[in-house]
Amino acid sequence: MSSQQVELEFSYTEAEYLSAARLLIFRDSNALFRLILSSVYIVGVASILTGLLTEYPWWLATIAAAPLVAAIFRNALVQQARRHFRGDRKLRDRYRFIFSDEGIAVNTALFDSRLSWSLYTKVIEGSDTYLLVYGKDIRMMTVVPKRVFRDTQQENGFRELLSRHIISRTASPPLQAIVGPTAEYKPASLNPPDWR
């Protein structure tokens, strides 16, 4: 077992945190199921009550319930995470993480702690973040934005630590392989084409 260490220092942005919270909901089948089920329930009750108690057609209640369903989705996917980010001062601090085989050291202006890898139950990789999820059926996570890695080698070291300490002992799917750095697009010619 290697004794590699990955050190990262960054501050979260609100957009990053909102994106991570949405990713957690979309990848959690229970949370997504409850959100959809509550929406179907609201539309169903509105339709039945409209059909039984009024002369209006049931489909009119479905249309009338749409803003309520939209508000529920907006609250779950945006408002809750935004309130959490704005209300929790530690999320706006500068973080310093040190990931190693011994565990995870976290340091901010407000706290200094060491976490065991066994705290985490799942890893979720998004297009721009890694979520280290802890607990079951609760929305608790450590967000690691991909933008904070110096290079592909550092990110691969981080991924090896995740594979060794979380993915190997949980139901997390394996991480997708990173293909070397993408080459920057270079046009064949800097002269515009002659369209005459």
C-alpha atoms as a PDB file:
ATOM      1  CA  MET A   1       0.000   0.000   0.000  1.00  0.00           C
ATOM      2  CA  SER A   2       1.528   3.308  -1.020  1.00  0.00           C
ATOM      3  CA  SER A   3       1.637   6.259   1.337  1.00  0.00           C
ATOM      4  CA  GLN A   4       0.608   8.834  -1.224  1.00  0.00           C
ATOM      5  CA  GLN A   5      -0.918  12.099  -0.132  1.00  0.00           C
ATOM      6  CA  VAL A   6      -3.148  14.515  -2.024  1.00  0.00           C
ATOM      7  CA  GLU A   7      -3.327  18.062  -0.708  1.00  0.00           C
ATOM      8  CA  LEU A   8      -6.066  20.402  -1.955  1.00  0.00           C
ATOM      9  CA  GLU A   9      -6.941  23.966  -0.981  1.00  0.00           C
ATOM     10  CA  PHE A  10     -10.062  25.767  -2.209  1.00  0.00           C
ATOM     11  CA  SER A  11     -13.282  27.590  -1.416  1.00  0.00           C
ATOM     12  CA  TYR A  12     -16.680  26.414  -2.619  1.00  0.00           C
ATOM     13  CA  THR A  13     -18.787  28.562  -4.890  1.00  0.00           C
ATOM     14  CA  GLU A  14     -22.547  28.627  -4.444  1.00  0.00           C
ATOM     15  CA  ALA A  15     -23.067  27.286  -7.968  1.00  0.00           C
ATOM     16  CA  GLU A  16     -20.737  24.349  -7.230  1.00  0.00           C
ATOM     17  CA  TYR A  17     -22.562  23.507  -4.044  1.00  0.00           C
ATOM     18  CA  LEU A  18     -25.982  23.694  -5.749  1.00  0.00           C
ATOM     19  CA  SER A  19     -24.718  21.448  -8.554  1.00  0.00           C
ATOM     20  CA  ALA A  20     -23.385  18.931  -6.021  1.00  0.00           C
ATOM     21  CA  ALA A  21     -26.674  18.906  -4.076  1.00  0.00           C
ATOM     22  CA  ARG A  22     -28.629  18.261  -7.295  1.00  0.00           C
ATOM     23  CA  LEU A  23     -26.225  15.490  -8.276  1.00  0.00           C
ATOM     24  CA  LEU A  24     -26.765  13.857  -4.892  1.00  0.00           C
ATOM     25  CA  ILE A  25     -30.561  13.943  -5.321  1.00  0.00           C
ATOM     26  CA  PHE A  26     -30.465  12.629  -8.887  1.00  0.00           C
ATOM     27  CA  ARG A  27     -28.148   9.759  -7.938  1.00  0.00           C
ATOM     28  CA  ASP A  28     -30.138   8.837  -4.810  1.00  0.00           C
ATOM     29  CA  SER A  29     -33.003   6.669  -6.012  1.00  0.00           C
ATOM     30  CA  ASN A  30     -34.928   7.062  -2.719  1.00  0.00           C
ATOM     31  CA  ALA A  31     -34.875  10.865  -2.770  1.00  0.00           C
ATOM     32  CA  LEU A  32     -35.786  11.022  -6.450  1.00  0.00           C
ATOM     33  CA  PHE A  33     -38.575   8.461  -5.964  1.00  0.00           C
ATOM     34  CA  ARG A  34     -40.042  10.446  -3.042  1.00  0.00           C
ATOM     35  CA  LEU A  35     -39.924  13.662  -5.054  1.00  0.00           C
ATOM     36  CA  ILE A  36     -41.708  12.111  -8.026  1.00  0.00           C
ATOM     37  CA  LEU A  37     -44.204  10.242  -5.815  1.00  0.00           C
ATOM     38  CA  SER A  38     -45.181  13.411  -3.947  1.00  0.00           C
ATOM     39  CA  SER A  39     -45.716  15.204  -7.268  1.00  0.00           C
ATOM     40  CA  VAL A  40     -47.914  12.398  -8.621  1.00  0.00           C
ATOM     41  CA  TYR A  41     -49.851  12.356  -5.341  1.00  0.00           C
ATOM     42  CA  ILE A  42     -50.548  16.113  -5.494  1.00  0.00           C
ATOM     43  CA  VAL A  43     -51.686  15.955  -9.111  1.00  0.00           C
ATOM     44  CA  GLY A  44     -53.825  12.864  -8.412  1.00  0.00           C
ATOM     45  CA  VAL A  45     -55.557  14.347  -5.360  1.00  0.00           C
ATOM     46  CA  ALA A  46     -56.206  17.634  -7.176  1.00  0.00           C
ATOM     47  CA  SER A  47     -57.679  15.794 -10.161  1.00  0.00           C
ATOM     48  CA  ILE A  48     -59.918  13.539  -8.041  1.00  0.00           C
ATOM     49  CA  LEU A  49     -61.181  16.382  -5.860  1.00  0.00           C
ATOM     50  CA  THR A  50     -61.871  18.537  -8.899  1.00  0.00           C
ATOM     51  CA  GLY A  51     -63.806  15.718 -10.566  1.00  0.00           C
ATOM     52  CA  LEU A  52     -65.835  14.970  -7.426  1.00  0.00           C
ATOM     53  CA  LEU A  53     -66.516  18.425  -6.060  1.00  0.00           C
ATOM     54  CA  THR A  54     -66.794  20.672  -9.095  1.00  0.00           C
ATOM     55  CA  GLU A  55     -68.074  20.707 -12.622  1.00  0.00           C
ATOM     56  CA  TYR A  56     -64.595  21.422 -14.028  1.00  0.00           C
ATOM     57  CA  PRO A  57     -62.829  18.635 -15.944  1.00  0.00           C
ATOM     58  CA  TRP A  58     -60.173  16.671 -14.033  1.00  0.00           C
ATOM     59  CA  TRP A  59     -57.405  17.660 -16.461  1.00  0.00           C
ATOM     60  CA  LEU A  60     -57.874  21.309 -15.491  1.00  0.00           C
ATOM     61  CA  ALA A  61     -56.774  20.420 -11.948  1.00  0.00           C
ATOM     62  CA  THR A  62     -53.669  18.784 -13.382  1.00  0.00           C
ATOM     63  CA  ILE A  63     -52.785  22.028 -15.133  1.00  0.00           C
ATOM     64  CA  ALA A  64     -53.586  24.050 -12.000  1.00  0.00           C
ATOM     65  CA  ALA A  65     -51.371  21.763  -9.860  1.00  0.00           C
ATOM     66  CA  ALA A  66     -48.385  22.211 -12.185  1.00  0.00           C
ATOM     67  CA  PRO A  67     -47.107  25.398 -10.463  1.00  0.00           C
ATOM     68  CA  LEU A  68     -47.222  23.622  -7.088  1.00  0.00           C
ATOM     69  CA  VAL A  69     -45.276  20.671  -8.469  1.00  0.00           C
ATOM     70  CA  ALA A  70     -42.767  23.064 -10.054  1.00  0.00           C
ATOM     71  CA  ALA A  71     -42.384  24.819  -6.685  1.00  0.00           C
ATOM     72  CA  ILE A  72     -41.715  21.484  -4.966  1.00  0.00           C
ATOM     73  CA  PHE A  73     -39.003  20.585  -7.483  1.00  0.00           C
ATOM     74  CA  ARG A  74     -37.457  24.076  -7.252  1.00  0.00           C
ATOM     75  CA  ASN A  75     -37.413  23.873  -3.474  1.00  0.00           C
ATOM     76  CA  ALA A  76     -35.825  20.417  -3.476  1.00  0.00           C
ATOM     77  CA  LEU A  77     -33.279  21.094  -6.222  1.00  0.00           C
ATOM     78  CA  VAL A  78     -32.367  24.744  -5.617  1.00  0.00           C
ATOM     79  CA  GLN A  79     -33.816  26.528  -2.588  1.00  0.00           C
ATOM     80  CA  GLN A  80     -32.881  24.018   0.143  1.00  0.00           C
ATOM     81  CA  ALA A  81     -29.276  23.763  -1.017  1.00  0.00           C
ATOM     82  CA  ARG A  82     -29.028  27.544  -1.449  1.00  0.00           C
ATOM     83  CA  ARG A  83     -30.346  28.145   2.106  1.00  0.00           C
ATOM     84  CA  HIS A  84     -27.949  25.551   3.445  1.00  0.00           C
ATOM     85  CA  PHE A  85     -24.973  27.101   1.643  1.00  0.00           C
ATOM     86  CA  ARG A  86     -25.835  30.664   2.685  1.00  0.00           C
ATOM     87  CA  GLY A  87     -26.757  29.705   6.243  1.00  0.00           C
ATOM     88  CA  ASP A  88     -23.704  27.574   7.041  1.00  0.00           C
ATOM     89  CA  ARG A  89     -20.671  29.815   7.411  1.00  0.00           C
ATOM     90  CA  LYS A  90     -18.182  26.956   7.213  1.00  0.00           C
ATOM     91  CA  LEU A  91     -19.229  26.249   3.611  1.00  0.00           C
ATOM     92  CA  ARG A  92     -17.938  29.677   2.593  1.00  0.00           C
ATOM     93  CA  ASP A  93     -14.547  29.283   4.313  1.00  0.00           C
ATOM     94  CA  ARG A  94     -11.317  28.298   2.602  1.00  0.00           C
ATOM     95  CA  TYR A  95     -10.796  24.533   2.953  1.00  0.00           C
ATOM     96  CA  ARG A  96      -7.548  22.635   3.117  1.00  0.00           C
ATOM     97  CA  PHE A  97      -7.883  18.877   2.643  1.00  0.00           C
ATOM     98  CA  ILE A  98      -5.096  16.327   2.956  1.00  0.00           C
ATOM     99  CA  PHE A  99      -6.168  12.909   1.681  1.00  0.00           C
ATOM    100  CA  SER A 100      -3.856  10.025   2.578  1.00  0.00           C
ATOM    101  CA  ASP A 101      -4.024   6.324   3.416  1.00  0.00           C
ATOM    102  CA  GLU A 102      -4.251   7.253   7.099  1.00  0.00           C
ATOM    103  CA  GLY A 103      -7.431   9.319   6.600  1.00  0.00           C
ATOM    104  CA  ILE A 104      -8.565  12.798   5.680  1.00  0.00           C
ATOM    105  CA  ALA A 105      -7.381  15.950   7.406  1.00  0.00           C
ATOM    106  CA  VAL A 106      -9.701  18.950   7.030  1.00  0.00           C
ATOM    107  CA  ASN A 107      -8.752  22.447   8.061  1.00  0.00           C
ATOM    108  CA  THR A 108     -10.667  25.755   7.850  1.00  0.00           C
ATOM    109  CA  ALA A 109     -10.676  28.948   9.887  1.00  0.00           C
ATOM    110  CA  LEU A 110     -13.439  27.420  12.038  1.00  0.00           C
ATOM    111  CA  PHE A 111     -12.229  23.858  12.599  1.00  0.00           C
ATOM    112  CA  ASP A 112      -9.399  21.399  12.279  1.00  0.00           C
ATOM    113  CA  SER A 113     -10.285  17.711  12.172  1.00  0.00           C
ATOM    114  CA  ARG A 114      -9.277  14.258  11.021  1.00  0.00           C
ATOM    115  CA  LEU A 115     -11.773  11.941   9.379  1.00  0.00           C
ATOM    116  CA  SER A 116     -11.547   8.210   8.877  1.00  0.00           C
ATOM    117  CA  TRP A 117     -12.203   6.773   5.434  1.00  0.00           C
ATOM    118  CA  SER A 118     -14.762   4.449   7.071  1.00  0.00           C
ATOM    119  CA  LEU A 119     -17.062   7.458   7.636  1.00  0.00           C
ATOM    120  CA  TYR A 120     -17.862   7.534   3.920  1.00  0.00           C
ATOM    121  CA  THR A 121     -20.386   5.138   2.404  1.00  0.00           C
ATOM    122  CA  LYS A 122     -20.325   6.065  -1.277  1.00  0.00           C
ATOM    123  CA  VAL A 123     -18.514   8.053  -3.970  1.00  0.00           C
ATOM    124  CA  ILE A 124     -20.411   9.832  -6.741  1.00  0.00           C
ATOM    125  CA  GLU A 125     -18.490  11.297  -9.657  1.00  0.00           C
ATOM    126  CA  GLY A 126     -20.108  14.111 -11.594  1.00  0.00           C
ATOM    127  CA  SER A 127     -18.806  15.992 -14.583  1.00  0.00           C
ATOM    128  CA  ASP A 128     -17.165  18.646 -12.400  1.00  0.00           C
ATOM    129  CA  THR A 129     -17.152  17.242  -8.841  1.00  0.00           C
ATOM    130  CA  TYR A 130     -16.570  14.235  -6.646  1.00  0.00           C
ATOM    131  CA  LEU A 131     -19.081  13.669  -3.851  1.00  0.00           C
ATOM    132  CA  LEU A 132     -17.946  11.665  -0.863  1.00  0.00           C
ATOM    133  CA  VAL A 133     -21.245  10.691   0.749  1.00  0.00           C
ATOM    134  CA  TYR A 134     -21.613   9.642   4.354  1.00  0.00           C
ATOM    135  CA  GLY A 135     -24.589   8.133   6.087  1.00  0.00           C
ATOM    136  CA  LYS A 136     -27.544   6.343   4.552  1.00  0.00           C
ATOM    137  CA  ASP A 137     -30.701   8.148   3.450  1.00  0.00           C
ATOM    138  CA  ILE A 138     -29.315  11.495   4.595  1.00  0.00           C
ATOM    139  CA  ARG A 139     -27.898  14.195   2.400  1.00  0.00           C
ATOM    140  CA  MET A 140     -24.458  14.588   3.937  1.00  0.00           C
ATOM    141  CA  MET A 141     -21.470  14.923   1.662  1.00  0.00           C
ATOM    142  CA  THR A 142     -17.992  16.240   1.178  1.00  0.00           C
ATOM    143  CA  VAL A 143     -17.697  17.979  -2.176  1.00  0.00           C
ATOM    144  CA  VAL A 144     -14.375  17.991  -4.015  1.00  0.00           C
ATOM    145  CA  PRO A 145     -14.499  20.114  -7.191  1.00  0.00           C
ATOM    146  CA  LYS A 146     -12.410  18.767 -10.064  1.00  0.00           C
ATOM    147  CA  ARG A 147     -11.111  22.278 -10.793  1.00  0.00           C
ATOM    148  CA  VAL A 148      -8.894  22.171  -7.669  1.00  0.00           C
ATOM    149  CA  PHE A 149      -6.539  19.468  -8.924  1.00  0.00           C
ATOM    150  CA  ARG A 150      -3.166  20.724 -10.155  1.00  0.00           C
ATOM    151  CA  ASP A 151      -2.986  18.133 -12.911  1.00  0.00           C
ATOM    152  CA  THR A 152      -4.227  14.742 -14.045  1.00  0.00           C
ATOM    153  CA  GLN A 153      -1.573  12.966 -11.976  1.00  0.00           C
ATOM    154  CA  GLN A 154      -2.852  14.535  -8.741  1.00  0.00           C
ATOM    155  CA  GLU A 155      -6.447  13.694  -9.653  1.00  0.00           C
ATOM    156  CA  ASN A 156      -5.477  10.097 -10.440  1.00  0.00           C
ATOM    157  CA  GLY A 157      -3.787   9.864  -7.029  1.00  0.00           C
ATOM    158  CA  PHE A 158      -7.019  11.057  -5.421  1.00  0.00           C
ATOM    159  CA  ARG A 159      -9.023   8.532  -7.431  1.00  0.00           C
ATOM    160  CA  GLU A 160      -6.685   5.728  -6.313  1.00  0.00           C
ATOM    161  CA  LEU A 161      -7.281   6.690  -2.679  1.00  0.00           C
ATOM    162  CA  LEU A 162     -11.055   6.699  -3.259  1.00  0.00           C
ATOM    163  CA  SER A 163     -10.891   3.299  -4.978  1.00  0.00           C
ATOM    164  CA  ARG A 164      -8.797   1.805  -2.229  1.00  0.00           C
ATOM    165  CA  HIS A 165     -10.660   3.180   0.784  1.00  0.00           C
ATOM    166  CA  ILE A 166     -14.295   3.738  -0.226  1.00  0.00           C
ATOM    167  CA  ILE A 167     -15.168   1.985  -3.470  1.00  0.00           C
ATOM    168  CA  SER A 168     -13.496  -1.318  -2.556  1.00  0.00           C
ATOM    169  CA  ARG A 169     -15.684  -1.685   0.579  1.00  0.00           C
ATOM    170  CA  THR A 170     -18.988  -0.136  -0.553  1.00  0.00           C
ATOM    171  CA  ALA A 171     -21.550  -0.411  -3.317  1.00  0.00           C
ATOM    172  CA  SER A 172     -20.121   2.602  -5.160  1.00  0.00           C
ATOM    173  CA  PRO A 173     -19.647   1.984  -8.874  1.00  0.00           C
ATOM    174  CA  PRO A 174     -16.039   2.074 -10.088  1.00  0.00           C
ATOM    175  CA  LEU A 175     -14.757   5.443 -11.247  1.00  0.00           C
ATOM    176  CA  GLN A 176     -14.436   6.038 -14.964  1.00  0.00           C
ATOM    177  CA  ALA A 177     -10.846   6.114 -16.194  1.00  0.00           C
ATOM    178  CA  ILE A 178      -9.346   9.505 -16.955  1.00  0.00           C
ATOM    179  CA  VAL A 179      -7.878   9.708 -20.404  1.00  0.00           C
ATOM    180  CA  GLY A 180      -4.823  11.986 -20.470  1.00  0.00           C
ATOM    181  CA  PRO A 181      -5.137  15.735 -20.776  1.00  0.00           C
ATOM    182  CA  THR A 182      -7.262  16.812 -23.691  1.00  0.00           C
ATOM    183  CA  ALA A 183      -5.434  18.660 -26.390  1.00  0.00           C
ATOM    184  CA  GLU A 184      -6.482  22.230 -26.962  1.00  0.00           C
ATOM    185  CA  TYR A 185      -8.219  22.851 -30.291  1.00  0.00           C
ATOM    186  CA  LYS A 186      -5.988  24.529 -32.852  1.00  0.00           C
ATOM    187  CA  PRO A 187      -7.552  25.694 -36.114  1.00  0.00           C
ATOM    188  CA  ALA A 188      -5.892  24.609 -39.348  1.00  0.00           C
ATOM    189  CA  SER A 189      -5.697  28.222 -40.493  1.00  0.00           C
ATOM    190  CA  LEU A 190      -6.172  31.564 -38.814  1.00  0.00           C
ATOM    191  CA  ASN A 191      -7.413  33.106 -42.086  1.00  0.00           C
ATOM    192  CA  PRO A 192     -11.181  33.133 -42.604  1.00  0.00           C
ATOM    193  CA  PRO A 193     -12.500  31.286 -45.648  1.00  0.00           C
ATOM    194  CA  ASP A 194     -13.167  33.245 -48.823  1.00  0.00           C
ATOM    195  CA  TRP A 195     -16.967  33.159 -49.263  1.00  0.00           C
ATOM    196  CA  ARG A 196     -17.177  35.142 -52.517  1.00  0.00           C
END
